[in-house]
PDB file of all heavy atoms in Angstrom:
ATOM      1  N   VAL A   1      -0.237  18.972  10.478  1.00  0.00           N
ATOM      2  CA  VAL A   1      -1.084  18.658   9.324  1.00  0.00           C
ATOM      3  C   VAL A   1      -0.281  17.898   8.270  1.00  0.00           C
ATOM      4  O   VAL A   1      -0.767  16.918   7.684  1.00  0.00           O
ATOM      5  CB  VAL A   1      -1.677  19.949   8.725  1.00  0.00           C
ATOM      6  CG1 VAL A   1      -2.362  19.660   7.389  1.00  0.00           C
ATOM      7  CG2 VAL A   1      -2.686  20.567   9.683  1.00  0.00           C
ATOM      8  N   ALA A   2       0.965  18.328   8.022  1.00  0.00           N
ATOM      9  CA  ALA A   2       1.806  17.654   7.030  1.00  0.00           C
ATOM     10  C   ALA A   2       2.047  16.197   7.425  1.00  0.00           C
ATOM     11  O   ALA A   2       1.957  15.287   6.586  1.00  0.00           O
ATOM     12  CB  ALA A   2       3.134  18.391   6.876  1.00  0.00           C
ATOM     13  N   MET A   3       2.346  15.952   8.700  1.00  0.00           N
ATOM     14  CA  MET A   3       2.585  14.576   9.155  1.00  0.00           C
ATOM     15  C   MET A   3       1.298  13.750   9.108  1.00  0.00           C
ATOM     16  O   MET A   3       1.325  12.550   8.815  1.00  0.00           O
ATOM     17  CB  MET A   3       3.156  14.595  10.570  1.00  0.00           C
ATOM     18  CG  MET A   3       4.543  15.213  10.668  1.00  0.00           C
ATOM     19  SD  MET A   3       5.223  15.175  12.336  1.00  0.00           S
ATOM     20  CE  MET A   3       5.584  13.439  12.524  1.00  0.00           C
ATOM     21  N   THR A   4       0.172  14.371   9.403  1.00  0.00           N
ATOM     22  CA  THR A   4      -1.117  13.660   9.341  1.00  0.00           C
ATOM     23  C   THR A   4      -1.436  13.254   7.909  1.00  0.00           C
ATOM     24  O   THR A   4      -1.892  12.135   7.644  1.00  0.00           O
ATOM     25  CB  THR A   4      -2.240  14.546   9.903  1.00  0.00           C
ATOM     26  OG1 THR A   4      -1.917  14.934  11.239  1.00  0.00           O
ATOM     27  CG2 THR A   4      -3.559  13.804   9.899  1.00  0.00           C
ATOM     28  N   LEU A   5      -1.195  14.167   6.966  1.00  0.00           N
ATOM     29  CA  LEU A   5      -1.410  13.834   5.556  1.00  0.00           C
ATOM     30  C   LEU A   5      -0.491  12.707   5.118  1.00  0.00           C
ATOM     31  O   LEU A   5      -0.899  11.799   4.386  1.00  0.00           O
ATOM     32  CB  LEU A   5      -1.174  15.077   4.693  1.00  0.00           C
ATOM     33  CG  LEU A   5      -2.285  16.125   4.683  1.00  0.00           C
ATOM     34  CD1 LEU A   5      -1.845  17.357   3.919  1.00  0.00           C
ATOM     35  CD2 LEU A   5      -3.555  15.558   4.076  1.00  0.00           C
ATOM     36  N   GLN A   6       0.761  12.760   5.567  1.00  0.00           N
ATOM     37  CA  GLN A   6       1.700  11.699   5.224  1.00  0.00           C
ATOM     38  C   GLN A   6       1.204  10.354   5.730  1.00  0.00           C
ATOM     39  O   GLN A   6       1.321   9.331   5.041  1.00  0.00           O
ATOM     40  CB  GLN A   6       3.067  12.026   5.830  1.00  0.00           C
ATOM     41  CG  GLN A   6       4.169  11.040   5.463  1.00  0.00           C
ATOM     42  CD  GLN A   6       5.479  11.375   6.150  1.00  0.00           C
ATOM     43  OE1 GLN A   6       5.585  12.381   6.848  1.00  0.00           O
ATOM     44  NE2 GLN A   6       6.470  10.536   5.965  1.00  0.00           N
ATOM     45  N   THR A   7       0.622  10.347   6.928  1.00  0.00           N
ATOM     46  CA  THR A   7       0.083   9.105   7.481  1.00  0.00           C
ATOM     47  C   THR A   7      -1.106   8.598   6.666  1.00  0.00           C
ATOM     48  O   THR A   7      -1.223   7.396   6.392  1.00  0.00           O
ATOM     49  CB  THR A   7      -0.359   9.329   8.940  1.00  0.00           C
ATOM     50  OG1 THR A   7       0.730   9.870   9.691  1.00  0.00           O
ATOM     51  CG2 THR A   7      -0.798   8.032   9.581  1.00  0.00           C
ATOM     52  N   SER A   8      -1.979   9.509   6.251  1.00  0.00           N
ATOM     53  CA  SER A   8      -3.153   9.086   5.477  1.00  0.00           C
ATOM     54  C   SER A   8      -2.753   8.543   4.111  1.00  0.00           C
ATOM     55  O   SER A   8      -3.432   7.676   3.556  1.00  0.00           O
ATOM     56  CB  SER A   8      -4.123  10.257   5.315  1.00  0.00           C
ATOM     57  OG  SER A   8      -3.580  11.277   4.507  1.00  0.00           O
ATOM     58  N   PHE A   9      -1.629   9.031   3.556  1.00  0.00           N
ATOM     59  CA  PHE A   9      -1.165   8.508   2.266  1.00  0.00           C
ATOM     60  C   PHE A   9      -0.672   7.068   2.381  1.00  0.00           C
ATOM     61  O   PHE A   9      -0.587   6.357   1.382  1.00  0.00           O
ATOM     62  CB  PHE A   9      -0.036   9.379   1.710  1.00  0.00           C
ATOM     63  CG  PHE A   9      -0.478  10.770   1.347  1.00  0.00           C
ATOM     64  CD1 PHE A   9       0.409  11.828   1.406  1.00  0.00           C
ATOM     65  CD2 PHE A   9      -1.774  11.029   0.950  1.00  0.00           C
ATOM     66  CE1 PHE A   9       0.009  13.112   1.079  1.00  0.00           C
ATOM     67  CE2 PHE A   9      -2.189  12.304   0.624  1.00  0.00           C
ATOM     68  CZ  PHE A   9      -1.295  13.349   0.684  1.00  0.00           C
ATOM     69  N   LEU A  10      -0.343   6.647   3.619  1.00  0.00           N
ATOM     70  CA  LEU A  10       0.175   5.292   3.836  1.00  0.00           C
ATOM     71  C   LEU A  10      -0.889   4.320   4.333  1.00  0.00           C
ATOM     72  O   LEU A  10      -0.746   3.115   4.172  1.00  0.00           O
ATOM     73  CB  LEU A  10       1.287   5.339   4.894  1.00  0.00           C
ATOM     74  CG  LEU A  10       2.720   5.596   4.461  1.00  0.00           C
ATOM     75  CD1 LEU A  10       3.632   5.622   5.679  1.00  0.00           C
ATOM     76  CD2 LEU A  10       3.196   4.543   3.487  1.00  0.00           C
ATOM     77  N   THR A  11      -1.939   4.843   4.961  1.00  0.00           N
ATOM     78  CA  THR A  11      -2.853   3.996   5.720  1.00  0.00           C
ATOM     79  C   THR A  11      -3.811   3.213   4.815  1.00  0.00           C
ATOM     80  O   THR A  11      -4.462   3.801   3.949  1.00  0.00           O
ATOM     81  CB  THR A  11      -3.684   4.856   6.695  1.00  0.00           C
ATOM     82  OG1 THR A  11      -2.785   5.611   7.508  1.00  0.00           O
ATOM     83  CG2 THR A  11      -4.555   3.988   7.584  1.00  0.00           C
ATOM     84  N   PRO A  12      -3.900   1.883   5.002  1.00  0.00           N
ATOM     85  CA  PRO A  12      -4.904   1.097   4.275  1.00  0.00           C
ATOM     86  C   PRO A  12      -6.307   1.511   4.685  1.00  0.00           C
ATOM     87  O   PRO A  12      -6.499   2.024   5.797  1.00  0.00           O
ATOM     88  CB  PRO A  12      -4.600  -0.337   4.734  1.00  0.00           C
ATOM     89  CG  PRO A  12      -3.211  -0.296   5.303  1.00  0.00           C
ATOM     90  CD  PRO A  12      -3.058   1.079   5.872  1.00  0.00           C
ATOM     91  N   PRO A  13      -7.314   1.338   3.835  1.00  0.00           N
ATOM     92  CA  PRO A  13      -7.205   0.685   2.528  1.00  0.00           C
ATOM     93  C   PRO A  13      -7.006   1.645   1.355  1.00  0.00           C
ATOM     94  O   PRO A  13      -6.842   1.213   0.228  1.00  0.00           O
ATOM     95  CB  PRO A  13      -8.572   0.000   2.399  1.00  0.00           C
ATOM     96  CG  PRO A  13      -9.498   0.936   3.114  1.00  0.00           C
ATOM     97  CD  PRO A  13      -8.725   1.546   4.241  1.00  0.00           C
ATOM     98  N   MET A  14      -7.036   2.970   1.607  1.00  0.00           N
ATOM     99  CA  MET A  14      -7.082   3.925   0.510  1.00  0.00           C
ATOM    100  C   MET A  14      -5.790   4.708   0.312  1.00  0.00           C
ATOM    101  O   MET A  14      -5.750   5.630  -0.488  1.00  0.00           O
ATOM    102  CB  MET A  14      -8.227   4.928   0.753  1.00  0.00           C
ATOM    103  CG  MET A  14      -9.598   4.301   0.878  1.00  0.00           C
ATOM    104  SD  MET A  14     -10.164   3.546  -0.650  1.00  0.00           S
ATOM    105  CE  MET A  14     -10.404   5.003  -1.658  1.00  0.00           C
ATOM    106  N   GLY A  15      -4.739   4.394   1.071  1.00  0.00           N
ATOM    107  CA  GLY A  15      -3.513   5.173   0.970  1.00  0.00           C
ATOM    108  C   GLY A  15      -2.954   5.192  -0.444  1.00  0.00           C
ATOM    109  O   GLY A  15      -2.681   4.127  -1.024  1.00  0.00           O
ATOM    110  N   PRO A  16      -2.749   6.379  -1.047  1.00  0.00           N
ATOM    111  CA  PRO A  16      -2.254   6.452  -2.433  1.00  0.00           C
ATOM    112  C   PRO A  16      -0.908   5.763  -2.636  1.00  0.00           C
ATOM    113  O   PRO A  16      -0.664   5.157  -3.686  1.00  0.00           O
ATOM    114  CB  PRO A  16      -2.141   7.963  -2.680  1.00  0.00           C
ATOM    115  CG  PRO A  16      -3.080   8.586  -1.711  1.00  0.00           C
ATOM    116  CD  PRO A  16      -3.059   7.706  -0.511  1.00  0.00           C
ATOM    117  N   ALA A  17      -0.002   5.833  -1.632  1.00  0.00           N
ATOM    118  CA  ALA A  17       1.321   5.212  -1.788  1.00  0.00           C
ATOM    119  C   ALA A  17       1.200   3.704  -1.997  1.00  0.00           C
ATOM    120  O   ALA A  17       2.026   3.100  -2.695  1.00  0.00           O
ATOM    121  CB  ALA A  17       2.180   5.514  -0.558  1.00  0.00           C
ATOM    122  N   ILE A  18       0.176   3.098  -1.408  1.00  0.00           N
ATOM    123  CA  ILE A  18      -0.035   1.654  -1.558  1.00  0.00           C
ATOM    124  C   ILE A  18      -0.303   1.303  -3.013  1.00  0.00           C
ATOM    125  O   ILE A  18       0.246   0.318  -3.554  1.00  0.00           O
ATOM    126  CB  ILE A  18      -1.219   1.205  -0.673  1.00  0.00           C
ATOM    127  CG1 ILE A  18      -0.863   1.387   0.802  1.00  0.00           C
ATOM    128  CG2 ILE A  18      -1.613  -0.235  -0.972  1.00  0.00           C
ATOM    129  CD1 ILE A  18      -2.025   1.167   1.748  1.00  0.00           C
ATOM    130  N   PHE A  19      -1.103   2.120  -3.685  1.00  0.00           N
ATOM    131  CA  PHE A  19      -1.453   1.824  -5.077  1.00  0.00           C
ATOM    132  C   PHE A  19      -0.317   2.190  -6.032  1.00  0.00           C
ATOM    133  O   PHE A  19      -0.202   1.606  -7.109  1.00  0.00           O
ATOM    134  CB  PHE A  19      -2.741   2.554  -5.440  1.00  0.00           C
ATOM    135  CG  PHE A  19      -3.909   2.112  -4.600  1.00  0.00           C
ATOM    136  CD1 PHE A  19      -4.392   2.902  -3.571  1.00  0.00           C
ATOM    137  CD2 PHE A  19      -4.501   0.874  -4.811  1.00  0.00           C
ATOM    138  CE1 PHE A  19      -5.456   2.482  -2.784  1.00  0.00           C
ATOM    139  CE2 PHE A  19      -5.561   0.446  -4.030  1.00  0.00           C
ATOM    140  CZ  PHE A  19      -6.040   1.251  -3.014  1.00  0.00           C
ATOM    141  N   PHE A  20       0.542   3.138  -5.623  1.00  0.00           N
ATOM    142  CA  PHE A  20       1.745   3.396  -6.415  1.00  0.00           C
ATOM    143  C   PHE A  20       2.625   2.143  -6.435  1.00  0.00           C
ATOM    144  O   PHE A  20       3.173   1.765  -7.477  1.00  0.00           O
ATOM    145  CB  PHE A  20       2.541   4.571  -5.825  1.00  0.00           C
ATOM    146  CG  PHE A  20       1.960   5.917  -6.141  1.00  0.00           C
ATOM    147  CD1 PHE A  20       1.782   6.852  -5.143  1.00  0.00           C
ATOM    148  CD2 PHE A  20       1.606   6.273  -7.437  1.00  0.00           C
ATOM    149  CE1 PHE A  20       1.252   8.105  -5.408  1.00  0.00           C
ATOM    150  CE2 PHE A  20       1.076   7.508  -7.724  1.00  0.00           C
ATOM    151  CZ  PHE A  20       0.900   8.425  -6.709  1.00  0.00           C
ATOM    152  N   ILE A  21       2.772   1.506  -5.255  1.00  0.00           N
ATOM    153  CA  ILE A  21       3.603   0.301  -5.157  1.00  0.00           C
ATOM    154  C   ILE A  21       3.027  -0.816  -6.016  1.00  0.00           C
ATOM    155  O   ILE A  21       3.743  -1.476  -6.786  1.00  0.00           O
ATOM    156  CB  ILE A  21       3.704  -0.167  -3.687  1.00  0.00           C
ATOM    157  CG1 ILE A  21       4.439   0.875  -2.833  1.00  0.00           C
ATOM    158  CG2 ILE A  21       4.411  -1.516  -3.600  1.00  0.00           C
ATOM    159  CD1 ILE A  21       5.881   1.046  -3.177  1.00  0.00           C
ATOM    160  N   GLN A  22       1.725  -1.041  -5.897  1.00  0.00           N
ATOM    161  CA  GLN A  22       1.128  -2.121  -6.673  1.00  0.00           C
ATOM    162  C   GLN A  22       1.161  -1.827  -8.165  1.00  0.00           C
ATOM    163  O   GLN A  22       1.301  -2.742  -8.984  1.00  0.00           O
ATOM    164  CB  GLN A  22      -0.314  -2.371  -6.227  1.00  0.00           C
ATOM    165  CG  GLN A  22      -0.852  -3.689  -6.776  1.00  0.00           C
ATOM    166  CD  GLN A  22      -2.266  -3.965  -6.344  1.00  0.00           C
ATOM    167  OE1 GLN A  22      -3.106  -3.081  -6.377  1.00  0.00           O
ATOM    168  NE2 GLN A  22      -2.540  -5.203  -5.959  1.00  0.00           N
ATOM    169  N   GLY A  23       1.085  -0.558  -8.530  1.00  0.00           N
ATOM    170  CA  GLY A  23       1.175  -0.205  -9.942  1.00  0.00           C
ATOM    171  C   GLY A  23       2.538  -0.495 -10.529  1.00  0.00           C
ATOM    172  O   GLY A  23       2.659  -0.877 -11.697  1.00  0.00           O
ATOM    173  N   VAL A  24       3.582  -0.347  -9.716  1.00  0.00           N
ATOM    174  CA  VAL A  24       4.943  -0.606 -10.187  1.00  0.00           C
ATOM    175  C   VAL A  24       5.235  -2.100 -10.217  1.00  0.00           C
ATOM    176  O   VAL A  24       5.852  -2.606 -11.142  1.00  0.00           O
ATOM    177  CB  VAL A  24       5.966   0.130  -9.293  1.00  0.00           C
ATOM    178  CG1 VAL A  24       7.390  -0.299  -9.629  1.00  0.00           C
ATOM    179  CG2 VAL A  24       5.816   1.636  -9.455  1.00  0.00           C
ATOM    180  N   ASN A  25       4.801  -2.832  -9.176  1.00  0.00           N
ATOM    181  CA  ASN A  25       5.079  -4.266  -9.079  1.00  0.00           C
ATOM    182  C   ASN A  25       3.780  -5.002  -8.751  1.00  0.00           C
ATOM    183  O   ASN A  25       3.396  -5.124  -7.590  1.00  0.00           O
ATOM    184  CB  ASN A  25       6.136  -4.524  -7.997  1.00  0.00           C
ATOM    185  CG  ASN A  25       6.711  -5.923  -8.074  1.00  0.00           C
ATOM    186  OD1 ASN A  25       6.017  -6.876  -8.426  1.00  0.00           O
ATOM    187  ND2 ASN A  25       7.988  -6.062  -7.749  1.00  0.00           N
ATOM    188  N   GLN A  26       3.107  -5.493  -9.772  1.00  0.00           N
ATOM    189  CA  GLN A  26       1.813  -6.143  -9.583  1.00  0.00           C
ATOM    190  C   GLN A  26       1.935  -7.566  -9.053  1.00  0.00           C
ATOM    191  O   GLN A  26       0.932  -8.208  -8.775  1.00  0.00           O
ATOM    192  CB  GLN A  26       1.039  -6.136 -10.895  1.00  0.00           C
ATOM    193  CG  GLN A  26       0.717  -4.728 -11.389  1.00  0.00           C
ATOM    194  CD  GLN A  26      -0.071  -4.728 -12.684  1.00  0.00           C
ATOM    195  OE1 GLN A  26      -0.364  -5.769 -13.241  1.00  0.00           O
ATOM    196  NE2 GLN A  26      -0.402  -3.535 -13.162  1.00  0.00           N
ATOM    197  N   ASP A  27       3.183  -8.059  -8.908  1.00  0.00           N
ATOM    198  CA  ASP A  27       3.384  -9.401  -8.358  1.00  0.00           C
ATOM    199  C   ASP A  27       3.174  -9.421  -6.839  1.00  0.00           C
ATOM    200  O   ASP A  27       3.032 -10.490  -6.250  1.00  0.00           O
ATOM    201  CB  ASP A  27       4.797  -9.902  -8.677  1.00  0.00           C
ATOM    202  CG  ASP A  27       4.991 -10.123 -10.171  1.00  0.00           C
ATOM    203  OD1 ASP A  27       3.984 -10.377 -10.850  1.00  0.00           O
ATOM    204  OD2 ASP A  27       6.135 -10.025 -10.650  1.00  0.00           O
TER     205      ASP A  27
END
């Protein structure tokens, strides 16, 4: 379950980690 959640945090289009990256560097 932990690894599955980790995957969902990365997976487009809704992965939270993706929006953390764009929030830090909008370029």
